[in-house]
Amino acid sequence: MNLLEEIRTRVNPNIEDVERIDLDIGPVASTAASMYREPKIGVEGKFSVWFLAALALAEGDVTVDKFTDEKVNDPRIVRLIRKITTTLDPRIGFGARLYLKMKDGREFREFLEKPKGDPDNPLTFEELTTKYRHAARLAIPEEHIDILIEKISTLETITDINEIVGLTVTK
């Protein structure tokens, strides 16, 4: 939900002051993330465009460590989910169109043709690193993460792949 993360960064709205959010989404998002209107357990949040949108606006980033039972049942997030409507627009593809209306009358309209991570809108190395850190800390020792990032950033100098593989194993 890049659009809502960007709105949060730019405007930082109080989510309690949101009147409504209209999201036009493409077929991929509709197919992959329209399974649960109001998820009840963490894993369902991964398949809920409403939860993903609410989380992005409420917290600014959507990371794997946030797909918890507590987070999908957070009353602030649930109230925000109920203010979100979605419409399928097959012309959008992988992008999204957003209309956000605040209770004070402010309105925000955004369109994102290519989501972050698309070949035409690639992640920077710093963004990839941040994303990797969030995911990696769930599976490998924290002290290995910086070492792995450094080794990956200089991959062409690695002569033995076991230098990297060995750091991904928990002991």
N, C-alpha and C. Protein backbone atom coordinates (compact mmCIF):
# COMPACT_ATOMS: atom_id res chain seq x y z
N MET A 1 0.84 -1.18 0.00
CA MET A 1 0.00 0.00 0.00
C MET A 1 0.88 1.24 0.00
N ASN A 2 1.68 1.35 -1.00
CA ASN A 2 2.60 2.47 -1.11
C ASN A 2 1.92 3.83 -1.01
N LEU A 3 0.74 3.95 -1.59
CA LEU A 3 0.04 5.24 -1.57
C LEU A 3 -0.23 5.71 -0.15
N LEU A 4 -0.70 4.82 0.69
CA LEU A 4 -1.03 5.20 2.06
C LEU A 4 0.22 5.41 2.90
N GLU A 5 1.27 4.67 2.63
CA GLU A 5 2.54 4.91 3.32
C GLU A 5 3.05 6.31 2.97
N GLU A 6 2.93 6.69 1.69
CA GLU A 6 3.37 8.02 1.26
C GLU A 6 2.53 9.12 1.89
N ILE A 7 1.21 8.92 1.95
CA ILE A 7 0.33 9.92 2.59
C ILE A 7 0.73 10.07 4.05
N ARG A 8 0.97 8.96 4.71
CA ARG A 8 1.37 9.02 6.12
C ARG A 8 2.66 9.80 6.28
N THR A 9 3.63 9.55 5.42
CA THR A 9 4.91 10.25 5.49
C THR A 9 4.73 11.75 5.26
N ARG A 10 3.94 12.09 4.27
CA ARG A 10 3.76 13.49 3.90
C ARG A 10 2.85 14.25 4.86
N VAL A 11 1.72 13.66 5.23
CA VAL A 11 0.67 14.37 5.95
C VAL A 11 0.60 13.95 7.42
N ASN A 12 0.93 12.69 7.70
CA ASN A 12 0.83 12.09 9.04
C ASN A 12 -0.54 12.37 9.68
N PRO A 13 -1.60 11.92 9.03
CA PRO A 13 -2.94 12.20 9.57
C PRO A 13 -3.24 11.38 10.81
N ASN A 14 -4.04 11.93 11.68
CA ASN A 14 -4.56 11.18 12.81
C ASN A 14 -5.61 10.23 12.25
N ILE A 15 -5.40 8.94 12.40
CA ILE A 15 -6.32 7.98 11.75
C ILE A 15 -7.73 8.07 12.32
N GLU A 16 -7.87 8.59 13.52
CA GLU A 16 -9.22 8.76 14.09
C GLU A 16 -9.98 9.86 13.37
N ASP A 17 -9.27 10.72 12.63
CA ASP A 17 -9.89 11.82 11.89
C ASP A 17 -10.20 11.48 10.44
N VAL A 18 -9.96 10.23 10.05
CA VAL A 18 -10.28 9.80 8.69
C VAL A 18 -11.78 9.57 8.59
N GLU A 19 -12.38 10.19 7.58
CA GLU A 19 -13.81 9.96 7.35
C GLU A 19 -14.02 8.74 6.47
N ARG A 20 -13.22 8.67 5.37
CA ARG A 20 -13.36 7.52 4.48
C ARG A 20 -12.16 7.40 3.56
N ILE A 21 -11.98 6.19 3.08
CA ILE A 21 -10.93 5.89 2.11
C ILE A 21 -11.55 5.05 1.01
N ASP A 22 -11.38 5.50 -0.22
CA ASP A 22 -11.81 4.72 -1.38
C ASP A 22 -10.55 4.28 -2.12
N LEU A 23 -10.44 2.99 -2.35
CA LEU A 23 -9.30 2.43 -3.06
C LEU A 23 -9.77 1.73 -4.32
N ASP A 24 -9.22 2.12 -5.44
CA ASP A 24 -9.42 1.37 -6.68
C ASP A 24 -8.18 0.51 -6.85
N ILE A 25 -8.39 -0.78 -7.00
CA ILE A 25 -7.28 -1.71 -7.10
C ILE A 25 -7.40 -2.54 -8.37
N GLY A 26 -6.28 -3.06 -8.81
CA GLY A 26 -6.26 -3.89 -10.01
C GLY A 26 -6.56 -5.34 -9.71
N PRO A 27 -6.59 -6.15 -10.74
CA PRO A 27 -6.96 -7.56 -10.58
C PRO A 27 -6.01 -8.37 -9.70
N VAL A 28 -4.73 -8.07 -9.71
CA VAL A 28 -3.79 -8.84 -8.89
C VAL A 28 -4.07 -8.60 -7.41
N ALA A 29 -4.17 -7.34 -7.01
CA ALA A 29 -4.47 -7.03 -5.60
C ALA A 29 -5.83 -7.57 -5.22
N SER A 30 -6.78 -7.47 -6.13
CA SER A 30 -8.12 -7.94 -5.84
C SER A 30 -8.13 -9.46 -5.63
N THR A 31 -7.40 -10.17 -6.45
CA THR A 31 -7.35 -11.63 -6.34
C THR A 31 -6.55 -12.07 -5.11
N ALA A 32 -5.41 -11.44 -4.90
CA ALA A 32 -4.50 -11.88 -3.83
C ALA A 32 -4.89 -11.38 -2.45
N ALA A 33 -5.53 -10.21 -2.38
CA ALA A 33 -5.71 -9.59 -1.06
C ALA A 33 -7.15 -9.20 -0.75
N SER A 34 -8.10 -9.85 -1.36
CA SER A 34 -9.50 -9.54 -1.05
C SER A 34 -10.22 -10.71 -0.38
N MET A 35 -9.47 -11.52 0.30
CA MET A 35 -10.07 -12.70 0.93
C MET A 35 -10.72 -12.40 2.27
N TYR A 36 -10.17 -11.42 3.01
CA TYR A 36 -10.67 -11.16 4.36
C TYR A 36 -10.96 -9.67 4.55
N ARG A 37 -12.23 -9.34 4.62
CA ARG A 37 -12.63 -7.94 4.83
C ARG A 37 -12.16 -7.47 6.20
N GLU A 38 -12.38 -8.29 7.22
CA GLU A 38 -11.91 -7.98 8.57
C GLU A 38 -11.20 -9.21 9.12
N PRO A 39 -9.88 -9.28 8.91
CA PRO A 39 -9.14 -10.46 9.37
C PRO A 39 -9.22 -10.59 10.88
N LYS A 40 -9.19 -11.84 11.35
CA LYS A 40 -9.26 -12.13 12.78
C LYS A 40 -7.94 -12.67 13.33
N ILE A 41 -7.14 -13.27 12.45
CA ILE A 41 -5.83 -13.77 12.87
C ILE A 41 -4.77 -13.18 11.95
N GLY A 42 -3.54 -13.11 12.48
CA GLY A 42 -2.47 -12.43 11.77
C GLY A 42 -2.27 -12.83 10.33
N VAL A 43 -2.27 -14.13 10.06
CA VAL A 43 -2.01 -14.59 8.69
C VAL A 43 -3.08 -14.09 7.72
N GLU A 44 -4.31 -13.91 8.18
CA GLU A 44 -5.37 -13.40 7.30
C GLU A 44 -5.08 -11.96 6.87
N GLY A 45 -4.34 -11.22 7.69
CA GLY A 45 -3.99 -9.85 7.34
C GLY A 45 -3.21 -9.74 6.05
N LYS A 46 -2.42 -10.76 5.73
CA LYS A 46 -1.64 -10.78 4.49
C LYS A 46 -2.54 -10.81 3.26
N PHE A 47 -3.78 -11.26 3.45
CA PHE A 47 -4.70 -11.43 2.33
C PHE A 47 -5.89 -10.47 2.44
N SER A 48 -5.64 -9.33 3.09
CA SER A 48 -6.70 -8.33 3.29
C SER A 48 -6.21 -6.96 2.84
N VAL A 49 -6.67 -6.52 1.69
CA VAL A 49 -6.29 -5.20 1.20
C VAL A 49 -6.74 -4.12 2.20
N TRP A 50 -7.83 -4.38 2.91
CA TRP A 50 -8.34 -3.41 3.89
C TRP A 50 -7.39 -3.30 5.07
N PHE A 51 -6.93 -4.42 5.58
CA PHE A 51 -5.97 -4.40 6.67
C PHE A 51 -4.65 -3.78 6.22
N LEU A 52 -4.17 -4.18 5.05
CA LEU A 52 -2.90 -3.65 4.54
C LEU A 52 -2.97 -2.13 4.39
N ALA A 53 -4.10 -1.63 3.88
CA ALA A 53 -4.27 -0.18 3.72
C ALA A 53 -4.34 0.51 5.07
N ALA A 54 -5.10 -0.02 5.98
CA ALA A 54 -5.24 0.59 7.31
C ALA A 54 -3.89 0.59 8.04
N LEU A 55 -3.17 -0.52 7.96
CA LEU A 55 -1.88 -0.61 8.61
C LEU A 55 -0.89 0.40 8.02
N ALA A 56 -0.88 0.52 6.70
CA ALA A 56 0.02 1.47 6.04
C ALA A 56 -0.25 2.90 6.49
N LEU A 57 -1.51 3.27 6.58
CA LEU A 57 -1.85 4.63 7.00
C LEU A 57 -1.60 4.83 8.49
N ALA A 58 -1.92 3.84 9.29
CA ALA A 58 -1.78 3.97 10.74
C ALA A 58 -0.33 3.94 11.21
N GLU A 59 0.49 3.11 10.57
CA GLU A 59 1.85 2.91 11.08
C GLU A 59 2.96 3.26 10.10
N GLY A 60 2.62 3.50 8.85
CA GLY A 60 3.62 3.96 7.90
C GLY A 60 4.39 2.89 7.17
N ASP A 61 4.39 1.69 7.68
CA ASP A 61 5.06 0.62 6.95
C ASP A 61 4.34 -0.70 7.23
N VAL A 62 4.43 -1.55 6.26
CA VAL A 62 3.81 -2.87 6.37
C VAL A 62 4.94 -3.88 6.29
N THR A 63 5.23 -4.50 7.42
CA THR A 63 6.33 -5.46 7.48
C THR A 63 5.81 -6.78 8.03
N VAL A 64 6.53 -7.85 7.74
CA VAL A 64 6.06 -9.19 8.09
C VAL A 64 5.84 -9.38 9.58
N ASP A 65 6.57 -8.65 10.39
CA ASP A 65 6.41 -8.81 11.84
C ASP A 65 5.09 -8.22 12.36
N LYS A 66 4.36 -7.53 11.51
CA LYS A 66 3.09 -6.92 11.92
C LYS A 66 1.87 -7.78 11.62
N PHE A 67 2.08 -8.94 11.04
CA PHE A 67 0.95 -9.83 10.76
C PHE A 67 0.69 -10.71 11.98
N THR A 68 0.19 -10.07 13.03
CA THR A 68 -0.07 -10.76 14.29
C THR A 68 -1.56 -10.70 14.60
N ASP A 69 -2.00 -11.61 15.46
CA ASP A 69 -3.40 -11.59 15.90
C ASP A 69 -3.71 -10.27 16.60
N GLU A 70 -2.77 -9.80 17.40
CA GLU A 70 -2.99 -8.54 18.13
C GLU A 70 -3.17 -7.37 17.17
N LYS A 71 -2.36 -7.32 16.13
CA LYS A 71 -2.41 -6.18 15.19
C LYS A 71 -3.70 -6.18 14.39
N VAL A 72 -4.13 -7.34 13.89
CA VAL A 72 -5.37 -7.35 13.08
C VAL A 72 -6.60 -7.06 13.94
N ASN A 73 -6.47 -7.23 15.26
CA ASN A 73 -7.59 -6.96 16.16
C ASN A 73 -7.43 -5.65 16.93
N ASP A 74 -6.41 -4.88 16.61
CA ASP A 74 -6.20 -3.57 17.23
C ASP A 74 -7.42 -2.70 16.93
N PRO A 75 -8.12 -2.21 17.94
CA PRO A 75 -9.35 -1.44 17.70
C PRO A 75 -9.17 -0.24 16.76
N ARG A 76 -8.02 0.43 16.83
CA ARG A 76 -7.78 1.57 15.92
C ARG A 76 -7.74 1.11 14.46
N ILE A 77 -7.07 -0.02 14.23
CA ILE A 77 -6.95 -0.57 12.88
C ILE A 77 -8.32 -1.05 12.40
N VAL A 78 -9.05 -1.74 13.26
CA VAL A 78 -10.38 -2.26 12.89
C VAL A 78 -11.32 -1.11 12.53
N ARG A 79 -11.31 -0.02 13.32
CA ARG A 79 -12.17 1.13 12.99
C ARG A 79 -11.80 1.72 11.63
N LEU A 80 -10.50 1.78 11.34
CA LEU A 80 -10.06 2.33 10.06
C LEU A 80 -10.45 1.40 8.91
N ILE A 81 -10.31 0.10 9.10
CA ILE A 81 -10.71 -0.87 8.08
C ILE A 81 -12.16 -0.63 7.66
N ARG A 82 -13.00 -0.37 8.61
CA ARG A 82 -14.42 -0.19 8.33
C ARG A 82 -14.74 1.08 7.54
N LYS A 83 -13.76 1.95 7.41
CA LYS A 83 -13.94 3.18 6.63
C LYS A 83 -13.41 3.05 5.20
N ILE A 84 -12.93 1.87 4.85
CA ILE A 84 -12.30 1.64 3.55
C ILE A 84 -13.23 0.88 2.63
N THR A 85 -13.40 1.42 1.42
CA THR A 85 -14.10 0.69 0.38
C THR A 85 -13.12 0.44 -0.76
N THR A 86 -13.32 -0.69 -1.44
CA THR A 86 -12.46 -1.00 -2.58
C THR A 86 -13.32 -1.25 -3.81
N THR A 87 -12.74 -0.91 -4.94
CA THR A 87 -13.38 -1.15 -6.23
C THR A 87 -12.35 -1.75 -7.16
N LEU A 88 -12.74 -2.78 -7.87
CA LEU A 88 -11.85 -3.40 -8.85
C LEU A 88 -11.88 -2.57 -10.12
N ASP A 89 -10.69 -2.17 -10.58
CA ASP A 89 -10.54 -1.48 -11.85
C ASP A 89 -9.46 -2.21 -12.65
N PRO A 90 -9.87 -3.06 -13.60
CA PRO A 90 -8.89 -3.88 -14.34
C PRO A 90 -7.85 -3.06 -15.11
N ARG A 91 -8.14 -1.80 -15.38
CA ARG A 91 -7.19 -0.95 -16.11
C ARG A 91 -5.98 -0.56 -15.27
N ILE A 92 -6.08 -0.72 -13.96
CA ILE A 92 -5.02 -0.26 -13.06
C ILE A 92 -3.81 -1.19 -13.07
N GLY A 93 -4.02 -2.45 -13.35
CA GLY A 93 -2.90 -3.40 -13.33
C GLY A 93 -2.40 -3.61 -11.91
N PHE A 94 -1.12 -3.32 -11.68
CA PHE A 94 -0.53 -3.50 -10.36
C PHE A 94 -0.61 -2.24 -9.50
N GLY A 95 -1.09 -1.16 -10.04
CA GLY A 95 -1.15 0.11 -9.33
C GLY A 95 -2.37 0.22 -8.44
N ALA A 96 -2.64 1.46 -8.03
CA ALA A 96 -3.81 1.73 -7.18
C ALA A 96 -4.17 3.21 -7.29
N ARG A 97 -5.43 3.48 -7.06
CA ARG A 97 -5.93 4.86 -7.01
C ARG A 97 -6.55 5.06 -5.63
N LEU A 98 -6.26 6.19 -5.02
CA LEU A 98 -6.68 6.45 -3.65
C LEU A 98 -7.43 7.77 -3.55
N TYR A 99 -8.51 7.73 -2.77
CA TYR A 99 -9.21 8.94 -2.35
C TYR A 99 -9.34 8.85 -0.84
N LEU A 100 -8.80 9.83 -0.15
CA LEU A 100 -8.84 9.87 1.31
C LEU A 100 -9.52 11.16 1.72
N LYS A 101 -10.58 11.06 2.52
CA LYS A 101 -11.28 12.23 3.01
C LYS A 101 -11.18 12.27 4.52
N MET A 102 -10.75 13.41 5.04
CA MET A 102 -10.64 13.61 6.48
C MET A 102 -11.91 14.28 6.99
N LYS A 103 -12.17 14.13 8.28
CA LYS A 103 -13.37 14.72 8.88
C LYS A 103 -13.37 16.25 8.79
N ASP A 104 -12.19 16.86 8.72
CA ASP A 104 -12.12 18.32 8.62
C ASP A 104 -12.30 18.83 7.19
N GLY A 105 -12.60 17.91 6.25
CA GLY A 105 -12.85 18.30 4.87
C GLY A 105 -11.66 18.17 3.94
N ARG A 106 -10.45 18.00 4.48
CA ARG A 106 -9.29 17.82 3.59
C ARG A 106 -9.46 16.54 2.80
N GLU A 107 -9.00 16.61 1.55
CA GLU A 107 -9.08 15.45 0.66
C GLU A 107 -7.73 15.22 0.02
N PHE A 108 -7.42 13.96 -0.18
CA PHE A 108 -6.18 13.58 -0.83
C PHE A 108 -6.52 12.57 -1.92
N ARG A 109 -6.01 12.83 -3.10
CA ARG A 109 -6.20 11.92 -4.23
C ARG A 109 -4.82 11.58 -4.78
N GLU A 110 -4.60 10.29 -4.93
CA GLU A 110 -3.31 9.82 -5.42
C GLU A 110 -3.53 8.69 -6.41
N PHE A 111 -2.60 8.58 -7.34
CA PHE A 111 -2.61 7.45 -8.26
C PHE A 111 -1.18 6.93 -8.36
N LEU A 112 -1.03 5.64 -8.22
CA LEU A 112 0.27 5.01 -8.35
C LEU A 112 0.17 3.98 -9.46
N GLU A 113 0.81 4.27 -10.57
CA GLU A 113 0.75 3.37 -11.71
C GLU A 113 1.59 2.12 -11.49
N LYS A 114 2.78 2.30 -10.95
CA LYS A 114 3.70 1.19 -10.73
C LYS A 114 4.09 1.17 -9.25
N PRO A 115 3.76 0.11 -8.53
CA PRO A 115 4.10 0.06 -7.11
C PRO A 115 5.61 -0.03 -6.89
N LYS A 116 6.04 0.37 -5.72
CA LYS A 116 7.45 0.28 -5.37
C LYS A 116 7.87 -1.19 -5.45
N GLY A 117 8.98 -1.42 -6.11
CA GLY A 117 9.46 -2.78 -6.32
C GLY A 117 9.25 -3.25 -7.75
N ASP A 118 8.39 -2.56 -8.49
CA ASP A 118 8.19 -2.86 -9.90
C ASP A 118 9.48 -2.50 -10.65
N PRO A 119 9.82 -3.21 -11.71
CA PRO A 119 11.03 -2.86 -12.46
C PRO A 119 11.07 -1.40 -12.90
N ASP A 120 9.90 -0.80 -13.13
CA ASP A 120 9.86 0.62 -13.52
C ASP A 120 9.85 1.56 -12.32
N ASN A 121 9.81 1.02 -11.12
CA ASN A 121 9.84 1.81 -9.89
C ASN A 121 10.59 0.99 -8.83
N PRO A 122 11.88 0.73 -9.08
CA PRO A 122 12.61 -0.21 -8.23
C PRO A 122 12.89 0.33 -6.83
N LEU A 123 13.09 -0.62 -5.92
CA LEU A 123 13.52 -0.28 -4.57
C LEU A 123 14.98 0.14 -4.61
N THR A 124 15.35 1.11 -3.79
CA THR A 124 16.76 1.47 -3.65
C THR A 124 17.44 0.38 -2.80
N PHE A 125 18.75 0.39 -2.78
CA PHE A 125 19.46 -0.59 -1.95
C PHE A 125 19.08 -0.39 -0.48
N GLU A 126 18.93 0.85 -0.06
CA GLU A 126 18.53 1.13 1.33
C GLU A 126 17.14 0.56 1.63
N GLU A 127 16.20 0.72 0.70
CA GLU A 127 14.86 0.17 0.89
C GLU A 127 14.88 -1.36 0.93
N LEU A 128 15.68 -1.95 0.06
CA LEU A 128 15.83 -3.41 0.08
C LEU A 128 16.43 -3.88 1.41
N THR A 129 17.42 -3.15 1.87
CA THR A 129 18.07 -3.48 3.14
C THR A 129 17.07 -3.42 4.29
N THR A 130 16.26 -2.39 4.33
CA THR A 130 15.26 -2.24 5.39
C THR A 130 14.27 -3.41 5.33
N LYS A 131 13.80 -3.71 4.14
CA LYS A 131 12.85 -4.81 3.97
C LYS A 131 13.49 -6.14 4.40
N TYR A 132 14.72 -6.34 4.01
CA TYR A 132 15.44 -7.56 4.37
C TYR A 132 15.59 -7.68 5.89
N ARG A 133 15.96 -6.58 6.54
CA ARG A 133 16.14 -6.61 8.00
C ARG A 133 14.86 -7.08 8.71
N HIS A 134 13.72 -6.53 8.30
CA HIS A 134 12.45 -6.90 8.93
C HIS A 134 12.15 -8.39 8.76
N ALA A 135 12.41 -8.91 7.59
CA ALA A 135 12.12 -10.32 7.33
C ALA A 135 13.18 -11.23 7.96
N ALA A 136 14.44 -10.86 7.83
CA ALA A 136 15.53 -11.72 8.29
C ALA A 136 15.52 -11.91 9.79
N ARG A 137 15.15 -10.88 10.54
CA ARG A 137 15.22 -11.02 12.01
C ARG A 137 14.24 -12.06 12.54
N LEU A 138 13.32 -12.50 11.69
CA LEU A 138 12.40 -13.56 12.10
C LEU A 138 13.03 -14.94 11.95
N ALA A 139 14.16 -15.01 11.22
CA ALA A 139 14.70 -16.33 10.89
C ALA A 139 16.17 -16.54 11.24
N ILE A 140 16.95 -15.46 11.31
CA ILE A 140 18.39 -15.63 11.56
C ILE A 140 18.83 -14.72 12.70
N PRO A 141 19.96 -15.04 13.30
CA PRO A 141 20.45 -14.21 14.41
C PRO A 141 20.66 -12.75 13.98
N GLU A 142 20.25 -11.86 14.84
CA GLU A 142 20.35 -10.41 14.59
C GLU A 142 21.77 -9.99 14.23
N GLU A 143 22.76 -10.56 14.93
CA GLU A 143 24.15 -10.15 14.70
C GLU A 143 24.66 -10.56 13.31
N HIS A 144 23.96 -11.44 12.63
CA HIS A 144 24.39 -11.85 11.28
C HIS A 144 23.84 -10.94 10.19
N ILE A 145 22.80 -10.19 10.49
CA ILE A 145 22.11 -9.41 9.46
C ILE A 145 23.02 -8.37 8.82
N ASP A 146 23.70 -7.55 9.62
CA ASP A 146 24.58 -6.52 9.05
C ASP A 146 25.72 -7.14 8.24
N ILE A 147 26.25 -8.25 8.74
CA ILE A 147 27.33 -8.93 8.03
C ILE A 147 26.82 -9.43 6.68
N LEU A 148 25.64 -10.03 6.68
CA LEU A 148 25.06 -10.52 5.43
C LEU A 148 24.82 -9.39 4.44
N ILE A 149 24.29 -8.28 4.92
CA ILE A 149 24.04 -7.13 4.03
C ILE A 149 25.34 -6.65 3.42
N GLU A 150 26.38 -6.55 4.22
CA GLU A 150 27.69 -6.13 3.71
C GLU A 150 28.20 -7.11 2.66
N LYS A 151 28.10 -8.40 2.95
CA LYS A 151 28.59 -9.40 1.99
C LYS A 151 27.78 -9.37 0.69
N ILE A 152 26.48 -9.21 0.82
CA ILE A 152 25.63 -9.16 -0.37
C ILE A 152 25.93 -7.91 -1.20
N SER A 153 26.23 -6.81 -0.52
CA SER A 153 26.52 -5.57 -1.27
C SER A 153 27.84 -5.66 -2.02
N THR A 154 28.69 -6.61 -1.64
CA THR A 154 29.97 -6.81 -2.34
C THR A 154 30.05 -8.24 -2.87
N LEU A 155 28.93 -8.73 -3.33
CA LEU A 155 28.81 -10.13 -3.77
C LEU A 155 29.86 -10.52 -4.80
N GLU A 156 30.21 -9.60 -5.68
CA GLU A 156 31.17 -9.94 -6.74
C GLU A 156 32.54 -10.28 -6.20
N THR A 157 32.81 -9.93 -4.94
CA THR A 157 34.13 -10.23 -4.36
C THR A 157 34.13 -11.55 -3.58
N ILE A 158 32.97 -12.15 -3.39
CA ILE A 158 32.87 -13.39 -2.63
C ILE A 158 33.37 -14.56 -3.49
N THR A 159 34.32 -15.30 -2.94
CA THR A 159 34.85 -16.45 -3.69
C THR A 159 34.29 -17.77 -3.18
N ASP A 160 33.73 -17.75 -1.98
CA ASP A 160 33.16 -18.97 -1.41
C ASP A 160 31.76 -18.63 -0.88
N ILE A 161 30.74 -19.15 -1.53
CA ILE A 161 29.35 -18.85 -1.17
C ILE A 161 29.03 -19.27 0.26
N ASN A 162 29.82 -20.19 0.82
CA ASN A 162 29.61 -20.62 2.20
C ASN A 162 29.80 -19.47 3.19
N GLU A 163 30.51 -18.39 2.78
CA GLU A 163 30.63 -17.21 3.63
C GLU A 163 29.26 -16.61 3.90
N ILE A 164 28.37 -16.72 2.93
CA ILE A 164 27.02 -16.18 3.07
C ILE A 164 26.10 -17.25 3.67
N VAL A 165 26.13 -18.44 3.13
CA VAL A 165 25.23 -19.50 3.58
C VAL A 165 25.39 -19.76 5.07
N GLY A 166 26.62 -19.78 5.55
CA GLY A 166 26.88 -20.05 6.95
C GLY A 166 26.24 -19.04 7.89
N LEU A 167 26.07 -17.81 7.42
CA LEU A 167 25.45 -16.77 8.24
C LEU A 167 23.92 -16.88 8.30
N THR A 168 23.35 -17.67 7.42
CA THR A 168 21.88 -17.80 7.39
C THR A 168 21.38 -18.96 8.24
N VAL A 169 22.31 -19.70 8.83
CA VAL A 169 21.96 -20.88 9.62
C VAL A 169 21.89 -20.48 11.09
N THR A 170 20.82 -20.88 11.75
CA THR A 170 20.72 -20.65 13.19
C THR A 170 21.41 -21.79 13.91
N LYS A 171 22.03 -21.47 15.03
CA LYS A 171 22.79 -22.50 15.77
C LYS A 171 22.15 -22.76 17.09
